[in-house]
Amino acid sequence: MSTIYRSAGGRQAVEQRYRDYLDQWQVPAQRRQIRTSQGETFVVACGFEDAPPVVLLHGGGTNSTIWLGDAARWSQTRRVYLVDVIGEPGLSAASRPPLKSDAYAAWLDDVLDGLGVERAAFVGASLGGWLALDYAIRRTHRVERLALRAPAGAGRQKYGVVVAALFLTLLGERGRRIALQLALGPTTDLGAFIDYMLLVHKHYRPRRDKLPIFGDEQLQALTAPLYVIVGAKDRMLDSQGTARRLNTFVPHAAVVVVPDAGHSLTEDGEAIHRFLTDGLEP
């Protein structure tokens, strides 16, 4: 039984629902398992094989289902690779190496090598944004450009909503629903997908380690074109601090602060598509 789940049955339920989503997806795609130093990594690939590649990295506590809507659009002009992050509730290995090491960059090296990709654009959300930034800092030559939604690593983490969630989960499913809404933000409408997220968080053990904050010199080392969108009402991360530090230390970055948005951002898919396709700032 994987230690990232509370039970073997819970793991099976989460993974089966995930497979159901993939089976219902209307976009022609291939599913692959890539061998890496951290165990097997599950990747869904779509789009023309000779199109320029983009790697999608989801946030913590979820998997590549969050990208299905956007990937359908982005695959019109890009070869899209939806990568299940290790240690998260997808179909990749349960490995969680130290965040302050080179391990995640080495893991992404293995993923790209296994896909036959030398250099790619990256789109990351939350933890996936942290992973993309870490990779761009450590492996500058392999990153074409970065588009990030509410990325961790530039602004501090907030813990008020985490404390509130611990108490709310004692109320069962109703409490978990309220906690999830608090975490994602005031304008988030996940529709029926909220039920899947509740299933995940019922059975999944979230990471407890603190995400490292990148230093000023590390941010200054970023050379790839960078587009970042954050929500002003983000209860998980200091979005104002994120915007301020990126504007200061990565002056070529395009940083957008959405006034009424929280941690979950889903309305900028077309802007990211322009950024990926035309090479222009949204």
C-alpha atoms as a PDB file:
ATOM      1  CA  MET A   1       0.000   0.000   0.000  1.00  0.00           C
ATOM      2  CA  SER A   2       1.341   3.414  -0.955  1.00  0.00           C
ATOM      3  CA  THR A   3       2.046   5.697   1.999  1.00  0.00           C
ATOM      4  CA  ILE A   4       0.508   8.672   0.174  1.00  0.00           C
ATOM      5  CA  TYR A   5      -2.935   7.089   0.645  1.00  0.00           C
ATOM      6  CA  ARG A   6      -4.812   6.238   3.816  1.00  0.00           C
ATOM      7  CA  SER A   7      -5.804   2.808   2.500  1.00  0.00           C
ATOM      8  CA  ALA A   8      -5.353   0.511  -0.484  1.00  0.00           C
ATOM      9  CA  GLY A   9      -9.068   0.794  -1.224  1.00  0.00           C
ATOM     10  CA  GLY A  10      -8.860   4.583  -1.232  1.00  0.00           C
ATOM     11  CA  ARG A  11      -5.972   4.485  -3.672  1.00  0.00           C
ATOM     12  CA  GLN A  12      -7.924   2.179  -5.964  1.00  0.00           C
ATOM     13  CA  ALA A  13     -10.981   4.467  -5.891  1.00  0.00           C
ATOM     14  CA  VAL A  14      -8.959   7.593  -6.733  1.00  0.00           C
ATOM     15  CA  GLU A  15      -7.009   5.923  -9.521  1.00  0.00           C
ATOM     16  CA  GLN A  16     -10.080   4.312 -11.074  1.00  0.00           C
ATOM     17  CA  ARG A  17     -11.939   7.630 -11.199  1.00  0.00           C
ATOM     18  CA  TYR A  18      -8.872   9.190 -12.801  1.00  0.00           C
ATOM     19  CA  ARG A  19      -8.804   6.493 -15.476  1.00  0.00           C
ATOM     20  CA  ASP A  20     -12.506   7.080 -16.069  1.00  0.00           C
ATOM     21  CA  TYR A  21     -11.822  10.758 -16.786  1.00  0.00           C
ATOM     22  CA  LEU A  22      -9.078   9.838 -19.230  1.00  0.00           C
ATOM     23  CA  ASP A  23     -11.305   7.269 -20.953  1.00  0.00           C
ATOM     24  CA  GLN A  24     -14.016   9.918 -21.441  1.00  0.00           C
ATOM     25  CA  TRP A  25     -11.635  12.537 -22.831  1.00  0.00           C
ATOM     26  CA  GLN A  26     -12.413  13.239 -26.476  1.00  0.00           C
ATOM     27  CA  VAL A  27      -8.867  14.226 -27.481  1.00  0.00           C
ATOM     28  CA  PRO A  28      -6.751  11.533 -29.226  1.00  0.00           C
ATOM     29  CA  ALA A  29      -3.906  10.792 -26.814  1.00  0.00           C
ATOM     30  CA  GLN A  30      -1.294   8.243 -25.838  1.00  0.00           C
ATOM     31  CA  ARG A  31      -0.584   7.061 -22.311  1.00  0.00           C
ATOM     32  CA  ARG A  32       2.981   6.254 -21.346  1.00  0.00           C
ATOM     33  CA  GLN A  33       4.937   5.099 -18.321  1.00  0.00           C
ATOM     34  CA  ILE A  34       8.442   6.606 -18.265  1.00  0.00           C
ATOM     35  CA  ARG A  35      11.141   4.962 -16.157  1.00  0.00           C
ATOM     36  CA  THR A  36      12.965   7.477 -13.974  1.00  0.00           C
ATOM     37  CA  SER A  37      15.334   7.548 -11.012  1.00  0.00           C
ATOM     38  CA  GLN A  38      12.261   8.096  -8.794  1.00  0.00           C
ATOM     39  CA  GLY A  39      10.184   5.269 -10.234  1.00  0.00           C
ATOM     40  CA  GLU A  40       7.746   5.162 -13.107  1.00  0.00           C
ATOM     41  CA  THR A  41       6.114   8.424 -14.214  1.00  0.00           C
ATOM     42  CA  PHE A  42       2.758   8.482 -15.983  1.00  0.00           C
ATOM     43  CA  VAL A  43       2.434  10.834 -18.973  1.00  0.00           C
ATOM     44  CA  VAL A  44      -0.465  11.566 -21.312  1.00  0.00           C
ATOM     45  CA  ALA A  45       0.659  12.902 -24.706  1.00  0.00           C
ATOM     46  CA  CYS A  46      -1.519  14.645 -27.281  1.00  0.00           C
ATOM     47  CA  GLY A  47      -1.139  16.931 -30.280  1.00  0.00           C
ATOM     48  CA  PHE A  48       0.974  16.602 -33.421  1.00  0.00           C
ATOM     49  CA  GLU A  49       4.169  14.690 -32.709  1.00  0.00           C
ATOM     50  CA  ASP A  50       6.330  17.152 -34.655  1.00  0.00           C
ATOM     51  CA  ALA A  51       4.877  20.236 -32.921  1.00  0.00           C
ATOM     52  CA  PRO A  52       7.019  22.090 -30.330  1.00  0.00           C
ATOM     53  CA  PRO A  53       6.655  20.396 -26.922  1.00  0.00           C
ATOM     54  CA  VAL A  54       5.091  21.743 -23.746  1.00  0.00           C
ATOM     55  CA  VAL A  55       5.175  19.944 -20.392  1.00  0.00           C
ATOM     56  CA  LEU A  56       2.277  20.446 -17.957  1.00  0.00           C
ATOM     57  CA  LEU A  57       2.918  20.073 -14.203  1.00  0.00           C
ATOM     58  CA  HIS A  58      -0.111  20.046 -11.910  1.00  0.00           C
ATOM     59  CA  GLY A  59      -0.344  21.170  -8.297  1.00  0.00           C
ATOM     60  CA  GLY A  60      -0.245  19.192  -5.062  1.00  0.00           C
ATOM     61  CA  GLY A  61      -3.167  16.976  -4.135  1.00  0.00           C
ATOM     62  CA  THR A  62      -4.309  16.485  -7.705  1.00  0.00           C
ATOM     63  CA  ASN A  63      -3.207  15.032 -11.044  1.00  0.00           C
ATOM     64  CA  SER A  64      -3.286  15.780 -14.764  1.00  0.00           C
ATOM     65  CA  THR A  65      -7.091  15.871 -14.889  1.00  0.00           C
ATOM     66  CA  ILE A  66      -6.805  19.595 -14.111  1.00  0.00           C
ATOM     67  CA  TRP A  67      -5.317  20.146 -17.582  1.00  0.00           C
ATOM     68  CA  LEU A  68      -7.788  18.240 -19.762  1.00  0.00           C
ATOM     69  CA  GLY A  69      -9.744  21.321 -20.859  1.00  0.00           C
ATOM     70  CA  ASP A  70      -6.666  23.432 -21.558  1.00  0.00           C
ATOM     71  CA  ALA A  71      -4.725  20.604 -23.198  1.00  0.00           C
ATOM     72  CA  ALA A  72      -7.452  20.194 -25.814  1.00  0.00           C
ATOM     73  CA  ARG A  73      -6.818  23.803 -26.900  1.00  0.00           C
ATOM     74  CA  TRP A  74      -3.054  23.901 -26.513  1.00  0.00           C
ATOM     75  CA  SER A  75      -2.589  20.666 -28.462  1.00  0.00           C
ATOM     76  CA  GLN A  76      -3.774  22.446 -31.612  1.00  0.00           C
ATOM     77  CA  THR A  77      -0.329  24.047 -31.898  1.00  0.00           C
ATOM     78  CA  ARG A  78       1.863  22.144 -29.403  1.00  0.00           C
ATOM     79  CA  ARG A  79       2.825  18.595 -28.589  1.00  0.00           C
ATOM     80  CA  VAL A  80       1.418  18.464 -25.060  1.00  0.00           C
ATOM     81  CA  TYR A  81       2.752  16.213 -22.304  1.00  0.00           C
ATOM     82  CA  LEU A  82       0.587  15.982 -19.176  1.00  0.00           C
ATOM     83  CA  VAL A  83       2.942  14.690 -16.500  1.00  0.00           C
ATOM     84  CA  ASP A  84       1.694  13.187 -13.240  1.00  0.00           C
ATOM     85  CA  VAL A  85       3.993  14.558 -10.542  1.00  0.00           C
ATOM     86  CA  ILE A  86       5.602  11.886  -8.369  1.00  0.00           C
ATOM     87  CA  GLY A  87       4.276  11.658  -4.818  1.00  0.00           C
ATOM     88  CA  GLU A  88       0.865  13.024  -5.810  1.00  0.00           C
ATOM     89  CA  PRO A  89      -2.489  11.256  -6.392  1.00  0.00           C
ATOM     90  CA  GLY A  90      -1.965  10.406 -10.042  1.00  0.00           C
ATOM     91  CA  LEU A  91      -0.501   7.291 -11.657  1.00  0.00           C
ATOM     92  CA  SER A  92       3.188   8.020 -11.046  1.00  0.00           C
ATOM     93  CA  ALA A  93       5.432   6.603  -8.326  1.00  0.00           C
ATOM     94  CA  ALA A  94       4.768   7.675  -4.730  1.00  0.00           C
ATOM     95  CA  SER A  95       8.336   8.972  -4.306  1.00  0.00           C
ATOM     96  CA  ARG A  96       8.821  12.299  -2.492  1.00  0.00           C
ATOM     97  CA  PRO A  97      12.533  13.167  -2.532  1.00  0.00           C
ATOM     98  CA  PRO A  98      13.798  16.244  -0.624  1.00  0.00           C
ATOM     99  CA  LEU A  99      12.640  19.474  -2.219  1.00  0.00           C
ATOM    100  CA  LYS A 100      15.921  21.221  -1.423  1.00  0.00           C
ATOM    101  CA  SER A 101      17.884  18.755  -3.534  1.00  0.00           C
ATOM    102  CA  ASP A 102      18.513  18.299  -7.254  1.00  0.00           C
ATOM    103  CA  ALA A 103      16.229  15.245  -7.221  1.00  0.00           C
ATOM    104  CA  TYR A 104      13.186  16.790  -8.907  1.00  0.00           C
ATOM    105  CA  ALA A 105      15.292  18.361 -11.653  1.00  0.00           C
ATOM    106  CA  ALA A 106      16.986  14.985 -12.214  1.00  0.00           C
ATOM    107  CA  TRP A 107      13.528  13.368 -12.318  1.00  0.00           C
ATOM    108  CA  LEU A 108      12.383  15.820 -15.000  1.00  0.00           C
ATOM    109  CA  ASP A 109      15.607  15.143 -16.910  1.00  0.00           C
ATOM    110  CA  ASP A 110      14.606  11.477 -16.962  1.00  0.00           C
ATOM    111  CA  VAL A 111      11.065  12.320 -18.057  1.00  0.00           C
ATOM    112  CA  LEU A 112      12.220  14.516 -20.945  1.00  0.00           C
ATOM    113  CA  ASP A 113      14.851  11.992 -21.989  1.00  0.00           C
ATOM    114  CA  GLY A 114      12.272   9.219 -21.915  1.00  0.00           C
ATOM    115  CA  LEU A 115       9.987  11.285 -24.129  1.00  0.00           C
ATOM    116  CA  GLY A 116      12.814  12.131 -26.515  1.00  0.00           C
ATOM    117  CA  VAL A 117      12.492  15.858 -25.750  1.00  0.00           C
ATOM    118  CA  GLU A 118      15.624  17.982 -25.531  1.00  0.00           C
ATOM    119  CA  ARG A 119      13.979  21.323 -24.684  1.00  0.00           C
ATOM    120  CA  ALA A 120      10.392  22.276 -23.875  1.00  0.00           C
ATOM    121  CA  ALA A 121       8.052  24.965 -22.691  1.00  0.00           C
ATOM    122  CA  PHE A 122       6.572  24.375 -19.238  1.00  0.00           C
ATOM    123  CA  VAL A 123       3.193  25.223 -17.750  1.00  0.00           C
ATOM    124  CA  GLY A 124       2.870  24.719 -13.994  1.00  0.00           C
ATOM    125  CA  ALA A 125       0.254  25.314 -11.323  1.00  0.00           C
ATOM    126  CA  SER A 126       1.026  25.825  -7.617  1.00  0.00           C
ATOM    127  CA  LEU A 127       3.460  22.996  -6.709  1.00  0.00           C
ATOM    128  CA  GLY A 128       3.855  22.403 -10.434  1.00  0.00           C
ATOM    129  CA  GLY A 129       4.853  26.053 -10.754  1.00  0.00           C
ATOM    130  CA  TRP A 130       7.509  25.526  -8.097  1.00  0.00           C
ATOM    131  CA  LEU A 131       8.811  22.483  -9.964  1.00  0.00           C
ATOM    132  CA  ALA A 132       8.925  24.429 -13.235  1.00  0.00           C
ATOM    133  CA  LEU A 133      10.808  27.328 -11.624  1.00  0.00           C
ATOM    134  CA  ASP A 134      13.245  24.962  -9.922  1.00  0.00           C
ATOM    135  CA  TYR A 135      13.901  23.236 -13.240  1.00  0.00           C
ATOM    136  CA  ALA A 136      14.333  26.513 -15.130  1.00  0.00           C
ATOM    137  CA  ILE A 137      16.867  27.673 -12.533  1.00  0.00           C
ATOM    138  CA  ARG A 138      18.816  24.393 -12.521  1.00  0.00           C
ATOM    139  CA  ARG A 139      18.414  23.437 -16.201  1.00  0.00           C
ATOM    140  CA  THR A 140      18.242  26.727 -18.079  1.00  0.00           C
ATOM    141  CA  HIS A 141      19.189  25.122 -21.395  1.00  0.00           C
ATOM    142  CA  ARG A 142      16.185  22.762 -21.355  1.00  0.00           C
ATOM    143  CA  VAL A 143      13.445  25.360 -20.739  1.00  0.00           C
ATOM    144  CA  GLU A 144      12.095  27.337 -23.679  1.00  0.00           C
ATOM    145  CA  ARG A 145       9.494  29.370 -21.765  1.00  0.00           C
ATOM    146  CA  LEU A 146       7.366  29.240 -18.611  1.00  0.00           C
ATOM    147  CA  ALA A 147       3.682  29.926 -17.984  1.00  0.00           C
ATOM    148  CA  LEU A 148       2.734  29.612 -14.316  1.00  0.00           C
ATOM    149  CA  ARG A 149      -0.550  29.741 -12.422  1.00  0.00           C
ATOM    150  CA  ALA A 150      -0.279  30.646  -8.725  1.00  0.00           C
ATOM    151  CA  PRO A 151       3.275  29.291  -8.514  1.00  0.00           C
ATOM    152  CA  ALA A 152       4.836  28.465  -5.182  1.00  0.00           C
ATOM    153  CA  GLY A 153       8.417  29.461  -4.479  1.00  0.00           C
ATOM    154  CA  ALA A 154       8.402  33.241  -4.935  1.00  0.00           C
ATOM    155  CA  GLY A 155       5.938  34.322  -2.238  1.00  0.00           C
ATOM    156  CA  ARG A 156       5.495  32.840   1.227  1.00  0.00           C
ATOM    157  CA  GLN A 157       3.020  30.105   2.049  1.00  0.00           C
ATOM    158  CA  LYS A 158      -0.034  30.914   4.145  1.00  0.00           C
ATOM    159  CA  TYR A 159      -1.197  28.543   6.868  1.00  0.00           C
ATOM    160  CA  GLY A 160      -4.484  29.963   8.144  1.00  0.00           C
ATOM    161  CA  VAL A 161      -6.582  27.973   5.684  1.00  0.00           C
ATOM    162  CA  VAL A 162      -4.594  24.819   6.508  1.00  0.00           C
ATOM    163  CA  VAL A 163      -5.421  25.162  10.199  1.00  0.00           C
ATOM    164  CA  ALA A 164      -9.073  25.817   9.380  1.00  0.00           C
ATOM    165  CA  ALA A 165      -9.162  22.773   7.102  1.00  0.00           C
ATOM    166  CA  LEU A 166      -7.906  20.502   9.882  1.00  0.00           C
ATOM    167  CA  PHE A 167     -10.940  21.393  11.980  1.00  0.00           C
ATOM    168  CA  LEU A 168     -13.387  21.339   9.081  1.00  0.00           C
ATOM    169  CA  THR A 169     -12.388  17.836   8.021  1.00  0.00           C
ATOM    170  CA  LEU A 170     -13.676  16.608  11.383  1.00  0.00           C
ATOM    171  CA  LEU A 171     -17.168  17.423  10.049  1.00  0.00           C
ATOM    172  CA  GLY A 172     -16.922  14.769   7.342  1.00  0.00           C
ATOM    173  CA  GLU A 173     -17.697  15.364   3.677  1.00  0.00           C
ATOM    174  CA  ARG A 174     -19.506  18.657   4.311  1.00  0.00           C
ATOM    175  CA  GLY A 175     -16.471  19.965   6.183  1.00  0.00           C
ATOM    176  CA  ARG A 176     -14.085  18.781   3.477  1.00  0.00           C
ATOM    177  CA  ARG A 177     -16.200  20.541   0.861  1.00  0.00           C
ATOM    178  CA  ILE A 178     -16.050  23.825   2.790  1.00  0.00           C
ATOM    179  CA  ALA A 179     -12.301  23.411   3.387  1.00  0.00           C
ATOM    180  CA  LEU A 180     -11.648  22.790  -0.305  1.00  0.00           C
ATOM    181  CA  GLN A 181     -13.646  25.854  -1.290  1.00  0.00           C
ATOM    182  CA  LEU A 182     -11.717  27.957   1.236  1.00  0.00           C
ATOM    183  CA  ALA A 183      -8.408  26.742  -0.149  1.00  0.00           C
ATOM    184  CA  LEU A 184      -9.227  27.204  -3.825  1.00  0.00           C
ATOM    185  CA  GLY A 185     -10.802  30.631  -3.562  1.00  0.00           C
ATOM    186  CA  PRO A 186     -13.988  32.669  -3.618  1.00  0.00           C
ATOM    187  CA  THR A 187     -14.693  32.528  -7.359  1.00  0.00           C
ATOM    188  CA  THR A 188     -13.785  28.918  -8.047  1.00  0.00           C
ATOM    189  CA  ASP A 189     -16.505  26.822  -9.673  1.00  0.00           C
ATOM    190  CA  LEU A 190     -15.319  23.286 -10.340  1.00  0.00           C
ATOM    191  CA  GLY A 191     -18.774  21.928 -11.172  1.00  0.00           C
ATOM    192  CA  ALA A 192     -19.006  18.157 -10.932  1.00  0.00           C
ATOM    193  CA  PHE A 193     -15.203  17.940 -10.667  1.00  0.00           C
ATOM    194  CA  ILE A 194     -15.507  19.026  -7.018  1.00  0.00           C
ATOM    195  CA  ASP A 195     -16.757  15.526  -6.178  1.00  0.00           C
ATOM    196  CA  TYR A 196     -13.565  13.994  -7.550  1.00  0.00           C
ATOM    197  CA  MET A 197     -11.413  16.422  -5.592  1.00  0.00           C
ATOM    198  CA  LEU A 198     -13.337  15.491  -2.442  1.00  0.00           C
ATOM    199  CA  LEU A 199     -12.712  11.810  -3.167  1.00  0.00           C
ATOM    200  CA  VAL A 200      -8.994  12.508  -3.534  1.00  0.00           C
ATOM    201  CA  HIS A 201      -8.722  14.454  -0.303  1.00  0.00           C
ATOM    202  CA  LYS A 202     -10.708  11.864   1.590  1.00  0.00           C
ATOM    203  CA  HIS A 203      -8.094   9.202   0.837  1.00  0.00           C
ATOM    204  CA  TYR A 204      -4.858  11.065   0.078  1.00  0.00           C
ATOM    205  CA  ARG A 205      -2.163  12.059   2.568  1.00  0.00           C
ATOM    206  CA  PRO A 206      -0.925  15.557   1.588  1.00  0.00           C
ATOM    207  CA  ARG A 207       2.714  16.508   1.831  1.00  0.00           C
ATOM    208  CA  ARG A 208       3.724  18.197   5.058  1.00  0.00           C
ATOM    209  CA  ASP A 209       7.097  19.622   4.036  1.00  0.00           C
ATOM    210  CA  LYS A 210       7.409  23.345   3.428  1.00  0.00           C
ATOM    211  CA  LEU A 211       8.037  24.461  -0.134  1.00  0.00           C
ATOM    212  CA  PRO A 212      11.385  26.296  -0.299  1.00  0.00           C
ATOM    213  CA  ILE A 213      11.394  29.957  -1.320  1.00  0.00           C
ATOM    214  CA  PHE A 214      13.770  30.768  -4.153  1.00  0.00           C
ATOM    215  CA  GLY A 215      16.415  33.349  -3.291  1.00  0.00           C
ATOM    216  CA  ASP A 216      16.864  36.644  -5.104  1.00  0.00           C
ATOM    217  CA  GLU A 217      19.873  35.381  -7.058  1.00  0.00           C
ATOM    218  CA  GLN A 218      18.005  32.244  -8.096  1.00  0.00           C
ATOM    219  CA  LEU A 219      15.131  34.294  -9.499  1.00  0.00           C
ATOM    220  CA  GLN A 220      17.597  36.578 -11.263  1.00  0.00           C
ATOM    221  CA  ALA A 221      19.024  33.492 -12.968  1.00  0.00           C
ATOM    222  CA  LEU A 222      15.750  32.934 -14.854  1.00  0.00           C
ATOM    223  CA  THR A 223      16.278  33.782 -18.511  1.00  0.00           C
ATOM    224  CA  ALA A 224      13.355  32.088 -20.278  1.00  0.00           C
ATOM    225  CA  PRO A 225      10.263  34.136 -21.225  1.00  0.00           C
ATOM    226  CA  LEU A 226       7.948  34.022 -18.222  1.00  0.00           C
ATOM    227  CA  TYR A 227       4.200  34.602 -17.857  1.00  0.00           C
ATOM    228  CA  VAL A 228       2.697  34.388 -14.363  1.00  0.00           C
ATOM    229  CA  ILE A 229      -0.889  34.771 -13.204  1.00  0.00           C
ATOM    230  CA  VAL A 230      -1.854  34.975  -9.525  1.00  0.00           C
ATOM    231  CA  GLY A 231      -5.077  35.638  -7.646  1.00  0.00           C
ATOM    232  CA  ALA A 232      -5.173  38.619  -5.305  1.00  0.00           C
ATOM    233  CA  LYS A 233      -7.362  36.615  -2.880  1.00  0.00           C
ATOM    234  CA  ASP A 234      -5.152  33.530  -2.798  1.00  0.00           C
ATOM    235  CA  ARG A 235      -5.433  31.970   0.681  1.00  0.00           C
ATOM    236  CA  MET A 236      -2.614  29.469   0.088  1.00  0.00           C
ATOM    237  CA  LEU A 237       0.203  31.712  -1.150  1.00  0.00           C
ATOM    238  CA  ASP A 238       1.177  35.368  -0.795  1.00  0.00           C
ATOM    239  CA  SER A 239       0.265  36.426  -4.316  1.00  0.00           C
ATOM    240  CA  GLN A 240       1.232  40.069  -3.799  1.00  0.00           C
ATOM    241  CA  GLY A 241       4.646  38.985  -2.569  1.00  0.00           C
ATOM    242  CA  THR A 242       4.981  36.665  -5.553  1.00  0.00           C
ATOM    243  CA  ALA A 243       4.167  39.476  -7.984  1.00  0.00           C
ATOM    244  CA  ARG A 244       6.461  41.951  -6.231  1.00  0.00           C
ATOM    245  CA  ARG A 245       9.505  39.646  -6.168  1.00  0.00           C
ATOM    246  CA  LEU A 246       9.078  38.481  -9.754  1.00  0.00           C
ATOM    247  CA  ASN A 247       8.648  42.049 -11.016  1.00  0.00           C
ATOM    248  CA  THR A 248      11.785  43.036  -9.102  1.00  0.00           C
ATOM    249  CA  PHE A 249      14.117  40.159  -9.869  1.00  0.00           C
ATOM    250  CA  VAL A 250      12.746  38.901 -13.222  1.00  0.00           C
ATOM    251  CA  PRO A 251      12.047  42.195 -15.034  1.00  0.00           C
ATOM    252  CA  HIS A 252      11.280  40.463 -18.334  1.00  0.00           C
ATOM    253  CA  ALA A 253       8.387  38.535 -16.718  1.00  0.00           C
ATOM    254  CA  ALA A 254       4.759  39.365 -17.485  1.00  0.00           C
ATOM    255  CA  VAL A 255       2.934  39.134 -14.141  1.00  0.00           C
ATOM    256  CA  VAL A 256      -0.861  39.420 -13.932  1.00  0.00           C
ATOM    257  CA  VAL A 257      -2.731  39.792 -10.633  1.00  0.00           C
ATOM    258  CA  VAL A 258      -6.431  38.918 -10.947  1.00  0.00           C
ATOM    259  CA  PRO A 259      -8.314  41.028  -8.365  1.00  0.00           C
ATOM    260  CA  ASP A 260     -11.138  38.646  -7.416  1.00  0.00           C
ATOM    261  CA  ALA A 261      -9.416  35.283  -7.967  1.00  0.00           C
ATOM    262  CA  GLY A 262      -8.069  32.867  -5.390  1.00  0.00           C
ATOM    263  CA  HIS A 263      -5.612  29.995  -5.689  1.00  0.00           C
ATOM    264  CA  SER A 264      -7.444  28.162  -8.459  1.00  0.00           C
ATOM    265  CA  LEU A 265      -7.047  29.918 -11.808  1.00  0.00           C
ATOM    266  CA  THR A 266      -8.763  28.586 -14.911  1.00  0.00           C
ATOM    267  CA  GLU A 267      -9.755  31.584 -17.035  1.00  0.00           C
ATOM    268  CA  ASP A 268      -6.427  32.346 -18.707  1.00  0.00           C
ATOM    269  CA  GLY A 269      -6.193  29.360 -21.032  1.00  0.00           C
ATOM    270  CA  GLU A 270      -6.406  31.474 -24.182  1.00  0.00           C
ATOM    271  CA  ALA A 271      -3.761  33.906 -22.911  1.00  0.00           C
ATOM    272  CA  ILE A 272      -1.409  31.016 -22.157  1.00  0.00           C
ATOM    273  CA  HIS A 273      -2.140  29.590 -25.603  1.00  0.00           C
ATOM    274  CA  ARG A 274      -1.070  32.877 -27.231  1.00  0.00           C
ATOM    275  CA  PHE A 275       2.053  32.892 -25.091  1.00  0.00           C
ATOM    276  CA  LEU A 276       2.908  29.320 -26.113  1.00  0.00           C
ATOM    277  CA  THR A 277       1.999  29.704 -29.774  1.00  0.00           C
ATOM    278  CA  ASP A 278       3.091  33.175 -30.820  1.00  0.00           C
ATOM    279  CA  GLY A 279       5.926  33.742 -28.418  1.00  0.00           C
ATOM    280  CA  LEU A 280       4.308  36.981 -27.340  1.00  0.00           C
ATOM    281  CA  GLU A 281       3.518  38.209 -23.858  1.00  0.00           C
ATOM    282  CA  PRO A 282      -0.242  37.781 -23.215  1.00  0.00           C
END
